[in-house]
Protein backbone atom coordinates (compact mmCIF):
# COMPACT_ATOMS: atom_id res chain seq x y z
CA MET A 1 -19.22 99.07 70.72
CA ARG A 2 -15.53 99.00 71.46
CA THR A 3 -13.10 101.68 70.27
CA THR A 4 -11.38 99.22 67.93
CA GLU A 5 -14.73 98.40 66.29
CA LEU A 6 -15.52 102.09 65.81
CA ILE A 7 -12.09 102.75 64.29
CA GLU A 8 -12.49 99.81 61.89
CA LEU A 9 -15.98 100.97 60.91
CA LEU A 10 -14.80 104.51 60.19
CA ARG A 11 -11.72 103.31 58.29
CA SER A 12 -13.91 101.18 56.02
CA VAL A 13 -15.64 104.33 54.69
CA GLU A 14 -12.89 106.90 55.28
CA PHE A 15 -12.67 108.12 51.67
CA GLY A 16 -15.39 108.89 49.13
CA ALA A 17 -15.31 108.12 45.39
CA SER A 18 -13.33 111.34 44.85
CA GLY A 19 -10.59 110.10 47.18
CA ARG A 20 -11.30 112.89 49.67
CA PRO A 21 -11.93 112.10 53.35
CA ARG A 22 -15.61 112.08 54.29
CA GLU A 23 -17.27 114.56 56.65
CA ILE A 24 -19.04 113.01 59.65
CA SER A 25 -22.72 113.55 60.42
CA ILE A 26 -24.64 111.69 63.11
CA SER A 27 -28.26 110.58 63.10
CA TYR A 28 -29.82 109.55 66.40
CA ASN A 29 -33.00 107.68 67.20
CA SER A 30 -33.89 106.70 63.62
CA GLY A 31 -33.13 110.15 62.23
CA LYS A 32 -35.30 112.13 64.66
CA ILE A 33 -32.23 114.03 65.82
CA PHE A 34 -29.47 114.92 63.35
CA PHE A 35 -26.02 116.42 64.01
CA PRO A 36 -24.89 117.72 60.57
CA GLU A 37 -21.18 118.26 61.35
CA PRO A 38 -20.59 117.78 65.08
CA ASP A 39 -17.42 118.61 66.92
CA ILE A 40 -16.49 115.36 68.66
CA SER A 41 -14.32 115.37 71.75
CA ILE A 42 -13.52 113.00 74.58
CA SER A 43 -15.32 114.10 77.71
CA GLY A 44 -14.25 111.25 79.94
CA THR A 45 -12.38 107.99 80.24
CA GLY A 46 -12.28 105.41 82.94
CA ASP A 47 -10.89 102.05 83.89
CA GLY A 48 -13.33 101.39 86.67
CA VAL A 49 -14.72 98.21 88.11
CA ALA A 50 -17.26 97.91 85.26
CA GLY A 51 -14.47 98.00 82.68
CA ALA A 52 -12.70 100.54 80.52
CA GLU A 53 -14.99 103.23 79.16
CA LEU A 54 -14.88 106.21 76.85
CA THR A 55 -17.41 109.05 76.76
CA LEU A 56 -17.65 111.20 73.64
CA GLU A 57 -19.14 114.69 73.65
CA LEU A 58 -20.96 116.02 70.57
CA THR A 59 -21.35 119.77 70.17
CA GLY A 60 -22.58 121.89 67.31
CA GLU A 61 -25.77 122.37 65.35
CA VAL A 62 -28.64 119.95 66.03
CA TRP A 63 -31.66 119.41 63.80
CA GLU A 64 -34.77 117.87 65.31
CA CYS A 65 -37.23 116.28 62.91
CA GLU A 66 -40.89 116.57 63.79
CA THR A 67 -42.62 113.30 64.55
CA GLU A 68 -46.13 112.46 63.44
């Protein structure tokens, strides 16, 4: 995913029915790992041979769902 695609995706759902901005939560691996309200920061950028890249860092509470 490119940064422009992520920005467009987030803008499309920026506000809820109340008109207030939405809080972000992240689900990973089909909901097995859940970040309820992560702090998101940029941990690295590069314009290397493989192309421009952006690395995001997620910190905060993590919930792990038990698998069967």
